[in-house]
Amino acid sequence: MANAVEAVVVFAMRVGAHTIWTAVACMLALAPASVCAEEGFDTEHIFGFMIGTDVGNPGEREFQTETTGRFGKGGGTYRALAQEVEIEVVPLPNFRIELGGTATLHDITGVPDIDDRRQFNFQGASLDLRYRLLDRERAPFGLTVAAELHGERIDETSGAKGRMYGTDFTLAFDRELIPNFVIGALNLIYQPEWARFEMAGLSEKSSTIGAAFAGLVRVRPNMLLGGEMRYFRQYEGIGLGEFSGQALFVGPTAYFQLSEKSRLTVSWSMQAWGRPAGTAASLDLVNFERHQARLVFGVNF
């Protein structure tokens, strides 16, 4: 039974991006055309790899699944798929709490400096806290501070067992550039990470800083289309020590309001430029992947 499940998941990971987008488009074409969006934007979930400043209204509860795929390294075959299940609640005005659990699948063969493995494991759990400092309806722009704490037993890149801890700090800004038509967002990111690997007995510390920009346009009452651009720099040590590499990701994002209580976000991102430290390469496939994709489905209850 386990072999059958693994075969199905591996097959899903090998489906091309064109096929995935075609399937999503067909599903949305069959969705009811009567779904109408509210005036303005609710930026809590419209972005793929970024976050908006909205956090929901007090008393709201949401269930969300987030599927993230990362593909391509500097040689061989590299596929990593993470499936996260999350529960979100808004206990107080401007404050949101999210609890999540993640399972991962790795299919790695012939990648330099990473052991070959094909495995499916429970990865770990996370706690995401967000507080909105400025509401863009009452201020020139929206501003939210977010901290996601996560503990893991599987390394998300190599699939190696160990103990991994980290926090993703994000300062999010957004503003309606054209009311009810165009929304722009900016994220400033700092991600310190600690890891101790079980087999090798080695400990590692790293940190990543980044800046990301997104723009979305309302093309239909229930549909937003646009793109995201993200730039990252990775360092050894949690205090931004020795420089390891950098990468720029760009790609499209689409958001669909499927019904009054359900939504879908689809995003794909390609490494357009990058460079590991000490090389003249045009991509950094040591510290980052060539392609990243994300599919998020959520429902209020």
C-alpha atoms as a PDB file:
ATOM      1  CA  MET A   1       0.000   0.000   0.000  1.00  0.00           C
ATOM      2  CA  ALA A   2       2.839   2.400   0.916  1.00  0.00           C
ATOM      3  CA  ASN A   3       4.534   1.686  -2.427  1.00  0.00           C
ATOM      4  CA  ALA A   4       1.311   2.456  -4.273  1.00  0.00           C
ATOM      5  CA  VAL A   5       0.870   5.783  -2.456  1.00  0.00           C
ATOM      6  CA  GLU A   6       4.485   6.729  -3.173  1.00  0.00           C
ATOM      7  CA  ALA A   7       4.098   5.851  -6.851  1.00  0.00           C
ATOM      8  CA  VAL A   8       1.010   8.059  -7.138  1.00  0.00           C
ATOM      9  CA  VAL A   9       2.708  11.028  -5.475  1.00  0.00           C
ATOM     10  CA  VAL A  10       5.889  10.670  -7.547  1.00  0.00           C
ATOM     11  CA  PHE A  11       3.764  10.548 -10.714  1.00  0.00           C
ATOM     12  CA  ALA A  12       2.008  13.754  -9.611  1.00  0.00           C
ATOM     13  CA  MET A  13       5.371  15.455  -9.142  1.00  0.00           C
ATOM     14  CA  ARG A  14       6.316  14.607 -12.722  1.00  0.00           C
ATOM     15  CA  VAL A  15       3.263  16.317 -14.226  1.00  0.00           C
ATOM     16  CA  GLY A  16       4.388  19.320 -16.270  1.00  0.00           C
ATOM     17  CA  ALA A  17       3.524  22.910 -15.378  1.00  0.00           C
ATOM     18  CA  HIS A  18       1.483  23.246 -18.582  1.00  0.00           C
ATOM     19  CA  THR A  19      -0.727  20.315 -17.570  1.00  0.00           C
ATOM     20  CA  ILE A  20      -1.271  21.726 -14.068  1.00  0.00           C
ATOM     21  CA  TRP A  21      -2.298  25.150 -15.391  1.00  0.00           C
ATOM     22  CA  THR A  22      -4.582  23.532 -17.953  1.00  0.00           C
ATOM     23  CA  ALA A  23      -6.319  21.482 -15.254  1.00  0.00           C
ATOM     24  CA  VAL A  24      -6.793  24.549 -13.052  1.00  0.00           C
ATOM     25  CA  ALA A  25      -8.196  26.550 -15.983  1.00  0.00           C
ATOM     26  CA  CYS A  26     -10.689  23.780 -16.828  1.00  0.00           C
ATOM     27  CA  MET A  27     -11.852  23.549 -13.222  1.00  0.00           C
ATOM     28  CA  LEU A  28     -12.374  27.301 -12.998  1.00  0.00           C
ATOM     29  CA  ALA A  29     -14.218  27.372 -16.302  1.00  0.00           C
ATOM     30  CA  LEU A  30     -16.777  25.021 -14.758  1.00  0.00           C
ATOM     31  CA  ALA A  31     -17.111  27.082 -11.578  1.00  0.00           C
ATOM     32  CA  PRO A  32     -20.272  29.143 -11.123  1.00  0.00           C
ATOM     33  CA  ALA A  33     -20.043  32.507 -12.860  1.00  0.00           C
ATOM     34  CA  SER A  34     -22.284  34.154 -10.290  1.00  0.00           C
ATOM     35  CA  VAL A  35     -19.585  34.450  -7.595  1.00  0.00           C
ATOM     36  CA  CYS A  36     -19.011  38.122  -6.877  1.00  0.00           C
ATOM     37  CA  ALA A  37     -16.114  39.716  -5.038  1.00  0.00           C
ATOM     38  CA  GLU A  38     -16.509  42.354  -2.342  1.00  0.00           C
ATOM     39  CA  GLU A  39     -15.522  45.940  -3.040  1.00  0.00           C
ATOM     40  CA  GLY A  40     -11.801  46.524  -2.589  1.00  0.00           C
ATOM     41  CA  PHE A  41      -9.230  43.823  -1.901  1.00  0.00           C
ATOM     42  CA  ASP A  42      -8.752  41.321   0.884  1.00  0.00           C
ATOM     43  CA  THR A  43      -4.999  40.711   0.643  1.00  0.00           C
ATOM     44  CA  GLU A  44      -4.761  37.996   3.294  1.00  0.00           C
ATOM     45  CA  HIS A  45      -4.587  35.131   0.775  1.00  0.00           C
ATOM     46  CA  ILE A  46      -4.314  36.558  -2.741  1.00  0.00           C
ATOM     47  CA  PHE A  47      -0.535  36.156  -3.086  1.00  0.00           C
ATOM     48  CA  GLY A  48       1.324  32.895  -3.674  1.00  0.00           C
ATOM     49  CA  PHE A  49       4.759  33.159  -2.034  1.00  0.00           C
ATOM     50  CA  MET A  50       4.137  36.481  -0.280  1.00  0.00           C
ATOM     51  CA  ILE A  51       1.713  37.783   2.344  1.00  0.00           C
ATOM     52  CA  GLY A  52      -0.640  40.756   2.425  1.00  0.00           C
ATOM     53  CA  THR A  53      -1.460  42.994   5.367  1.00  0.00           C
ATOM     54  CA  ASP A  54      -5.068  41.889   5.916  1.00  0.00           C
ATOM     55  CA  VAL A  55      -5.562  39.370   8.730  1.00  0.00           C
ATOM     56  CA  GLY A  56      -9.322  38.742   8.709  1.00  0.00           C
ATOM     57  CA  ASN A  57     -12.128  39.835  11.016  1.00  0.00           C
ATOM     58  CA  PRO A  58     -12.462  38.812  14.692  1.00  0.00           C
ATOM     59  CA  GLY A  59     -14.139  35.412  15.012  1.00  0.00           C
ATOM     60  CA  GLU A  60     -13.190  34.186  11.529  1.00  0.00           C
ATOM     61  CA  ARG A  61     -11.936  30.615  11.145  1.00  0.00           C
ATOM     62  CA  GLU A  62     -10.356  29.095   8.051  1.00  0.00           C
ATOM     63  CA  PHE A  63      -9.040  25.740   6.877  1.00  0.00           C
ATOM     64  CA  GLN A  64      -6.262  25.855   4.299  1.00  0.00           C
ATOM     65  CA  THR A  65      -4.075  23.423   2.363  1.00  0.00           C
ATOM     66  CA  GLU A  66      -0.818  24.640   0.836  1.00  0.00           C
ATOM     67  CA  THR A  67       1.094  22.517  -1.678  1.00  0.00           C
ATOM     68  CA  THR A  68       4.617  23.701  -2.550  1.00  0.00           C
ATOM     69  CA  GLY A  69       6.845  22.098  -5.163  1.00  0.00           C
ATOM     70  CA  ARG A  70      10.555  22.820  -5.668  1.00  0.00           C
ATOM     71  CA  PHE A  71      12.307  21.444  -8.739  1.00  0.00           C
ATOM     72  CA  GLY A  72      15.807  21.461 -10.231  1.00  0.00           C
ATOM     73  CA  LYS A  73      19.302  21.686  -8.757  1.00  0.00           C
ATOM     74  CA  GLY A  74      22.760  21.840 -10.287  1.00  0.00           C
ATOM     75  CA  GLY A  75      22.589  18.346 -11.800  1.00  0.00           C
ATOM     76  CA  GLY A  76      20.704  15.059 -11.595  1.00  0.00           C
ATOM     77  CA  THR A  77      17.030  14.913 -10.656  1.00  0.00           C
ATOM     78  CA  TYR A  78      15.634  16.995  -7.819  1.00  0.00           C
ATOM     79  CA  ARG A  79      11.964  17.111  -6.814  1.00  0.00           C
ATOM     80  CA  ALA A  80      10.623  18.121  -3.393  1.00  0.00           C
ATOM     81  CA  LEU A  81       6.919  18.391  -2.569  1.00  0.00           C
ATOM     82  CA  ALA A  82       5.562  19.780   0.705  1.00  0.00           C
ATOM     83  CA  GLN A  83       1.915  19.461   1.741  1.00  0.00           C
ATOM     84  CA  GLU A  84       0.859  21.691   4.639  1.00  0.00           C
ATOM     85  CA  VAL A  85      -2.525  21.656   6.374  1.00  0.00           C
ATOM     86  CA  GLU A  86      -3.391  24.778   8.382  1.00  0.00           C
ATOM     87  CA  ILE A  87      -6.068  26.125  10.694  1.00  0.00           C
ATOM     88  CA  GLU A  88      -6.401  29.903  11.011  1.00  0.00           C
ATOM     89  CA  VAL A  89      -8.301  31.869  13.655  1.00  0.00           C
ATOM     90  CA  VAL A  90      -8.698  35.592  14.381  1.00  0.00           C
ATOM     91  CA  PRO A  91      -9.243  35.905  18.164  1.00  0.00           C
ATOM     92  CA  LEU A  92      -8.734  39.691  18.370  1.00  0.00           C
ATOM     93  CA  PRO A  93      -8.954  42.682  16.030  1.00  0.00           C
ATOM     94  CA  ASN A  94      -5.879  42.899  13.774  1.00  0.00           C
ATOM     95  CA  PHE A  95      -4.361  39.678  15.166  1.00  0.00           C
ATOM     96  CA  ARG A  96      -4.286  36.290  13.440  1.00  0.00           C
ATOM     97  CA  ILE A  97      -3.008  32.880  14.589  1.00  0.00           C
ATOM     98  CA  GLU A  98      -2.278  29.931  12.299  1.00  0.00           C
ATOM     99  CA  LEU A  99      -1.290  26.373  13.258  1.00  0.00           C
ATOM    100  CA  GLY A 100       0.054  24.019  10.599  1.00  0.00           C
ATOM    101  CA  GLY A 101       1.518  20.571  10.011  1.00  0.00           C
ATOM    102  CA  THR A 102       3.596  19.545   6.983  1.00  0.00           C
ATOM    103  CA  ALA A 103       4.416  16.282   5.198  1.00  0.00           C
ATOM    104  CA  THR A 104       7.133  16.133   2.517  1.00  0.00           C
ATOM    105  CA  LEU A 105       8.117  13.928  -0.397  1.00  0.00           C
ATOM    106  CA  HIS A 106      11.670  13.947  -1.797  1.00  0.00           C
ATOM    107  CA  ASP A 107      12.785  12.373  -5.075  1.00  0.00           C
ATOM    108  CA  ILE A 108      16.540  13.033  -5.428  1.00  0.00           C
ATOM    109  CA  THR A 109      18.974  11.282  -7.752  1.00  0.00           C
ATOM    110  CA  GLY A 110      22.487  12.334  -8.781  1.00  0.00           C
ATOM    111  CA  VAL A 111      22.406  15.838  -7.269  1.00  0.00           C
ATOM    112  CA  PRO A 112      25.876  17.082  -6.195  1.00  0.00           C
ATOM    113  CA  ASP A 113      26.394  17.178  -2.396  1.00  0.00           C
ATOM    114  CA  ILE A 114      22.923  15.696  -1.657  1.00  0.00           C
ATOM    115  CA  ASP A 115      22.360  11.990  -0.963  1.00  0.00           C
ATOM    116  CA  ASP A 116      20.026  10.084  -3.269  1.00  0.00           C
ATOM    117  CA  ARG A 117      16.674   9.373  -1.623  1.00  0.00           C
ATOM    118  CA  ARG A 118      13.026   8.793  -2.385  1.00  0.00           C
ATOM    119  CA  GLN A 119      10.939   9.155   0.740  1.00  0.00           C
ATOM    120  CA  PHE A 120       7.684  10.434   2.202  1.00  0.00           C
ATOM    121  CA  ASN A 121       7.720  11.728   5.797  1.00  0.00           C
ATOM    122  CA  PHE A 122       5.969  13.938   8.303  1.00  0.00           C
ATOM    123  CA  GLN A 123       8.211  16.995   8.341  1.00  0.00           C
ATOM    124  CA  GLY A 124       7.104  19.175  11.235  1.00  0.00           C
ATOM    125  CA  ALA A 125       4.769  21.824  12.633  1.00  0.00           C
ATOM    126  CA  SER A 126       4.520  25.611  12.514  1.00  0.00           C
ATOM    127  CA  LEU A 127       2.946  28.543  14.325  1.00  0.00           C
ATOM    128  CA  ASP A 128       2.285  31.728  12.339  1.00  0.00           C
ATOM    129  CA  LEU A 129       1.456  34.974  14.180  1.00  0.00           C
ATOM    130  CA  ARG A 130       0.450  38.164  12.372  1.00  0.00           C
ATOM    131  CA  TYR A 131      -0.451  41.603  13.727  1.00  0.00           C
ATOM    132  CA  ARG A 132      -1.687  44.450  11.549  1.00  0.00           C
ATOM    133  CA  LEU A 133      -0.215  47.796  12.581  1.00  0.00           C
ATOM    134  CA  LEU A 134      -1.784  49.948   9.833  1.00  0.00           C
ATOM    135  CA  ASP A 135      -5.033  49.455   7.909  1.00  0.00           C
ATOM    136  CA  ARG A 136      -4.624  50.802   4.370  1.00  0.00           C
ATOM    137  CA  GLU A 137      -8.262  51.985   4.398  1.00  0.00           C
ATOM    138  CA  ARG A 138      -7.318  54.456   7.146  1.00  0.00           C
ATOM    139  CA  ALA A 139      -3.627  54.998   6.344  1.00  0.00           C
ATOM    140  CA  PRO A 140      -1.574  55.625   3.189  1.00  0.00           C
ATOM    141  CA  PHE A 141      -0.660  51.920   3.120  1.00  0.00           C
ATOM    142  CA  GLY A 142      -1.230  48.716   5.037  1.00  0.00           C
ATOM    143  CA  LEU A 143       1.463  47.388   7.392  1.00  0.00           C
ATOM    144  CA  THR A 144       1.619  43.989   9.105  1.00  0.00           C
ATOM    145  CA  VAL A 145       4.380  42.263  11.046  1.00  0.00           C
ATOM    146  CA  ALA A 146       4.488  38.451  10.905  1.00  0.00           C
ATOM    147  CA  ALA A 147       6.547  35.759  12.620  1.00  0.00           C
ATOM    148  CA  GLU A 148       6.302  32.089  11.641  1.00  0.00           C
ATOM    149  CA  LEU A 149       8.021  29.661  14.024  1.00  0.00           C
ATOM    150  CA  HIS A 150       8.634  26.131  12.781  1.00  0.00           C
ATOM    151  CA  GLY A 151      10.215  22.949  14.117  1.00  0.00           C
ATOM    152  CA  GLU A 152      11.042  20.064  11.787  1.00  0.00           C
ATOM    153  CA  ARG A 153      12.510  16.572  11.787  1.00  0.00           C
ATOM    154  CA  ILE A 154      13.226  16.477   8.041  1.00  0.00           C
ATOM    155  CA  ASP A 155      15.409  18.977   6.180  1.00  0.00           C
ATOM    156  CA  GLU A 156      13.274  20.590   3.479  1.00  0.00           C
ATOM    157  CA  THR A 157      16.110  20.656   0.918  1.00  0.00           C
ATOM    158  CA  SER A 158      17.965  17.356   1.335  1.00  0.00           C
ATOM    159  CA  GLY A 159      15.312  15.271   3.096  1.00  0.00           C
ATOM    160  CA  ALA A 160      17.900  14.276   5.740  1.00  0.00           C
ATOM    161  CA  LYS A 161      16.671  13.518   9.263  1.00  0.00           C
ATOM    162  CA  GLY A 162      17.568  15.763  12.160  1.00  0.00           C
ATOM    163  CA  ARG A 163      16.279  18.642  14.210  1.00  0.00           C
ATOM    164  CA  MET A 164      15.597  21.924  12.451  1.00  0.00           C
ATOM    165  CA  TYR A 165      14.276  25.135  13.974  1.00  0.00           C
ATOM    166  CA  GLY A 166      13.681  28.498  12.405  1.00  0.00           C
ATOM    167  CA  THR A 167      11.645  31.669  12.299  1.00  0.00           C
ATOM    168  CA  ASP A 168      10.456  33.620   9.270  1.00  0.00           C
ATOM    169  CA  PHE A 169      10.101  37.312  10.099  1.00  0.00           C
ATOM    170  CA  THR A 170       8.190  39.363   7.518  1.00  0.00           C
ATOM    171  CA  LEU A 171       7.324  43.037   7.343  1.00  0.00           C
ATOM    172  CA  ALA A 172       4.460  43.348   4.837  1.00  0.00           C
ATOM    173  CA  PHE A 173       3.229  46.485   3.073  1.00  0.00           C
ATOM    174  CA  ASP A 174       0.408  46.839   0.546  1.00  0.00           C
ATOM    175  CA  ARG A 175      -1.574  49.585  -1.159  1.00  0.00           C
ATOM    176  CA  GLU A 176      -4.330  49.848  -3.748  1.00  0.00           C
ATOM    177  CA  LEU A 177      -2.608  51.538  -6.683  1.00  0.00           C
ATOM    178  CA  ILE A 178      -5.923  51.877  -8.535  1.00  0.00           C
ATOM    179  CA  PRO A 179      -8.942  51.443  -6.216  1.00  0.00           C
ATOM    180  CA  ASN A 180     -10.633  48.062  -6.622  1.00  0.00           C
ATOM    181  CA  PHE A 181      -8.512  47.327  -9.707  1.00  0.00           C
ATOM    182  CA  VAL A 182      -4.742  47.138  -9.008  1.00  0.00           C
ATOM    183  CA  ILE A 183      -3.055  46.137  -5.733  1.00  0.00           C
ATOM    184  CA  GLY A 184       0.687  46.226  -4.984  1.00  0.00           C
ATOM    185  CA  ALA A 185       2.581  44.591  -2.105  1.00  0.00           C
ATOM    186  CA  LEU A 186       6.098  44.600  -0.665  1.00  0.00           C
ATOM    187  CA  ASN A 187       7.595  42.057   1.773  1.00  0.00           C
ATOM    188  CA  LEU A 188      10.869  42.444   3.682  1.00  0.00           C
ATOM    189  CA  ILE A 189      12.099  39.081   4.958  1.00  0.00           C
ATOM    190  CA  TYR A 190      14.599  37.716   7.504  1.00  0.00           C
ATOM    191  CA  GLN A 191      14.866  33.950   8.082  1.00  0.00           C
ATOM    192  CA  PRO A 192      17.323  32.569  10.684  1.00  0.00           C
ATOM    193  CA  GLU A 193      17.643  28.751  10.731  1.00  0.00           C
ATOM    194  CA  TRP A 194      19.258  26.177  13.041  1.00  0.00           C
ATOM    195  CA  ALA A 195      19.828  22.533  12.025  1.00  0.00           C
ATOM    196  CA  ARG A 196      21.461  19.427  13.523  1.00  0.00           C
ATOM    197  CA  PHE A 197      21.587  16.380  11.244  1.00  0.00           C
ATOM    198  CA  GLU A 198      21.048  12.936  12.746  1.00  0.00           C
ATOM    199  CA  MET A 199      23.387  10.773  10.629  1.00  0.00           C
ATOM    200  CA  ALA A 200      26.343  13.137  10.219  1.00  0.00           C
ATOM    201  CA  GLY A 201      26.029  14.691  13.665  1.00  0.00           C
ATOM    202  CA  LEU A 202      26.732  18.089  12.145  1.00  0.00           C
ATOM    203  CA  SER A 203      25.188  21.390  13.176  1.00  0.00           C
ATOM    204  CA  GLU A 204      24.513  24.248  10.791  1.00  0.00           C
ATOM    205  CA  LYS A 205      23.280  27.796  11.186  1.00  0.00           C
ATOM    206  CA  SER A 206      22.163  29.962   8.303  1.00  0.00           C
ATOM    207  CA  SER A 207      20.167  33.083   7.596  1.00  0.00           C
ATOM    208  CA  THR A 208      18.400  34.515   4.591  1.00  0.00           C
ATOM    209  CA  ILE A 209      17.274  38.066   3.903  1.00  0.00           C
ATOM    210  CA  GLY A 210      15.040  39.070   1.040  1.00  0.00           C
ATOM    211  CA  ALA A 211      12.709  41.561  -0.561  1.00  0.00           C
ATOM    212  CA  ALA A 212       9.660  40.660  -2.628  1.00  0.00           C
ATOM    213  CA  PHE A 213       7.234  42.704  -4.729  1.00  0.00           C
ATOM    214  CA  ALA A 214       3.875  41.682  -6.191  1.00  0.00           C
ATOM    215  CA  GLY A 215       1.247  43.333  -8.341  1.00  0.00           C
ATOM    216  CA  LEU A 216      -2.222  41.947  -9.102  1.00  0.00           C
ATOM    217  CA  VAL A 217      -4.985  43.228 -11.393  1.00  0.00           C
ATOM    218  CA  ARG A 218      -8.688  42.428 -11.063  1.00  0.00           C
ATOM    219  CA  VAL A 219      -9.633  41.017 -14.471  1.00  0.00           C
ATOM    220  CA  ARG A 220     -13.027  39.685 -13.323  1.00  0.00           C
ATOM    221  CA  PRO A 221     -15.028  40.198 -10.125  1.00  0.00           C
ATOM    222  CA  ASN A 222     -13.779  36.827  -8.826  1.00  0.00           C
ATOM    223  CA  MET A 223     -10.341  36.672 -10.508  1.00  0.00           C
ATOM    224  CA  LEU A 224      -6.987  38.439  -9.993  1.00  0.00           C
ATOM    225  CA  LEU A 225      -3.945  37.996 -12.239  1.00  0.00           C
ATOM    226  CA  GLY A 226      -0.418  39.319 -11.800  1.00  0.00           C
ATOM    227  CA  GLY A 227       3.065  38.335 -10.768  1.00  0.00           C
ATOM    228  CA  GLU A 228       5.640  38.211  -7.989  1.00  0.00           C
ATOM    229  CA  MET A 229       9.348  39.050  -7.971  1.00  0.00           C
ATOM    230  CA  ARG A 230      11.518  37.891  -5.049  1.00  0.00           C
ATOM    231  CA  TYR A 231      15.208  38.473  -4.312  1.00  0.00           C
ATOM    232  CA  PHE A 232      17.105  36.496  -1.638  1.00  0.00           C
ATOM    233  CA  ARG A 233      20.613  36.540  -0.157  1.00  0.00           C
ATOM    234  CA  GLN A 234      21.768  33.609   1.982  1.00  0.00           C
ATOM    235  CA  TYR A 235      24.500  33.668   4.635  1.00  0.00           C
ATOM    236  CA  GLU A 236      26.219  31.296   7.026  1.00  0.00           C
ATOM    237  CA  GLY A 237      25.284  31.906  10.661  1.00  0.00           C
ATOM    238  CA  ILE A 238      22.076  33.453  11.969  1.00  0.00           C
ATOM    239  CA  GLY A 239      23.638  36.914  12.121  1.00  0.00           C
ATOM    240  CA  LEU A 240      24.263  37.298   8.369  1.00  0.00           C
ATOM    241  CA  GLY A 241      27.847  36.004   8.495  1.00  0.00           C
ATOM    242  CA  GLU A 242      29.726  34.754   5.444  1.00  0.00           C
ATOM    243  CA  PHE A 243      27.862  35.261   2.172  1.00  0.00           C
ATOM    244  CA  SER A 244      26.693  31.980   0.521  1.00  0.00           C
ATOM    245  CA  GLY A 245      24.685  32.986  -2.539  1.00  0.00           C
ATOM    246  CA  GLN A 246      21.830  34.978  -4.037  1.00  0.00           C
ATOM    247  CA  ALA A 247      18.881  34.439  -6.361  1.00  0.00           C
ATOM    248  CA  LEU A 248      16.096  36.354  -8.106  1.00  0.00           C
ATOM    249  CA  PHE A 249      12.759  34.594  -8.706  1.00  0.00           C
ATOM    250  CA  VAL A 250       9.993  35.846 -11.004  1.00  0.00           C
ATOM    251  CA  GLY A 251       6.702  34.327 -12.081  1.00  0.00           C
ATOM    252  CA  PRO A 252       2.923  34.645 -12.451  1.00  0.00           C
ATOM    253  CA  THR A 253       0.255  34.455  -9.741  1.00  0.00           C
ATOM    254  CA  ALA A 254      -3.492  33.929 -10.106  1.00  0.00           C
ATOM    255  CA  TYR A 255      -6.198  34.191  -7.444  1.00  0.00           C
ATOM    256  CA  PHE A 256      -9.736  32.854  -7.820  1.00  0.00           C
ATOM    257  CA  GLN A 257     -12.715  33.360  -5.495  1.00  0.00           C
ATOM    258  CA  LEU A 258     -14.460  30.039  -6.082  1.00  0.00           C
ATOM    259  CA  SER A 259     -17.468  30.732  -3.865  1.00  0.00           C
ATOM    260  CA  GLU A 260     -18.481  32.951  -0.983  1.00  0.00           C
ATOM    261  CA  LYS A 261     -16.370  30.829   1.392  1.00  0.00           C
ATOM    262  CA  SER A 262     -13.722  29.136  -0.778  1.00  0.00           C
ATOM    263  CA  ARG A 263     -10.697  30.372  -2.717  1.00  0.00           C
ATOM    264  CA  LEU A 264      -7.737  29.172  -4.760  1.00  0.00           C
ATOM    265  CA  THR A 265      -4.304  30.714  -5.371  1.00  0.00           C
ATOM    266  CA  VAL A 266      -1.873  29.371  -7.980  1.00  0.00           C
ATOM    267  CA  SER A 267       1.696  30.643  -8.292  1.00  0.00           C
ATOM    268  CA  TRP A 268       4.805  29.598 -10.205  1.00  0.00           C
ATOM    269  CA  SER A 269       8.274  31.110  -9.873  1.00  0.00           C
ATOM    270  CA  MET A 270      11.463  30.596 -11.891  1.00  0.00           C
ATOM    271  CA  GLN A 271      15.004  31.542 -10.881  1.00  0.00           C
ATOM    272  CA  ALA A 272      15.806  34.227 -13.434  1.00  0.00           C
ATOM    273  CA  TRP A 273      19.244  35.079 -12.065  1.00  0.00           C
ATOM    274  CA  GLY A 274      21.497  33.935  -9.259  1.00  0.00           C
ATOM    275  CA  ARG A 275      25.074  33.319  -8.179  1.00  0.00           C
ATOM    276  CA  PRO A 276      26.688  31.147  -5.503  1.00  0.00           C
ATOM    277  CA  ALA A 277      29.525  32.801  -3.584  1.00  0.00           C
ATOM    278  CA  GLY A 278      32.901  32.558  -5.290  1.00  0.00           C
ATOM    279  CA  THR A 279      31.610  31.611  -8.756  1.00  0.00           C
ATOM    280  CA  ALA A 280      30.644  33.306 -12.005  1.00  0.00           C
ATOM    281  CA  ALA A 281      27.531  31.159 -12.523  1.00  0.00           C
ATOM    282  CA  SER A 282      24.347  32.784 -13.807  1.00  0.00           C
ATOM    283  CA  LEU A 283      22.104  30.770 -11.435  1.00  0.00           C
ATOM    284  CA  ASP A 284      22.493  29.706  -7.810  1.00  0.00           C
ATOM    285  CA  LEU A 285      21.378  26.073  -7.825  1.00  0.00           C
ATOM    286  CA  VAL A 286      23.414  25.288  -4.715  1.00  0.00           C
ATOM    287  CA  ASN A 287      21.359  27.291  -2.222  1.00  0.00           C
ATOM    288  CA  PHE A 288      18.112  27.607  -4.213  1.00  0.00           C
ATOM    289  CA  GLU A 289      16.016  25.688  -6.743  1.00  0.00           C
ATOM    290  CA  ARG A 290      15.458  26.407 -10.427  1.00  0.00           C
ATOM    291  CA  HIS A 291      11.633  26.319 -10.185  1.00  0.00           C
ATOM    292  CA  GLN A 292       9.117  26.747  -7.366  1.00  0.00           C
ATOM    293  CA  ALA A 293       5.333  26.317  -7.548  1.00  0.00           C
ATOM    294  CA  ARG A 294       2.532  26.737  -5.022  1.00  0.00           C
ATOM    295  CA  LEU A 295      -1.168  25.844  -4.914  1.00  0.00           C
ATOM    296  CA  VAL A 296      -3.268  27.135  -1.988  1.00  0.00           C
ATOM    297  CA  PHE A 297      -6.892  26.208  -1.332  1.00  0.00           C
ATOM    298  CA  GLY A 298      -8.828  27.640   1.595  1.00  0.00           C
ATOM    299  CA  VAL A 299     -12.347  27.626   2.990  1.00  0.00           C
ATOM    300  CA  ASN A 300     -14.062  29.571   5.812  1.00  0.00           C
ATOM    301  CA  PHE A 301     -16.091  27.585   8.320  1.00  0.00           C
END
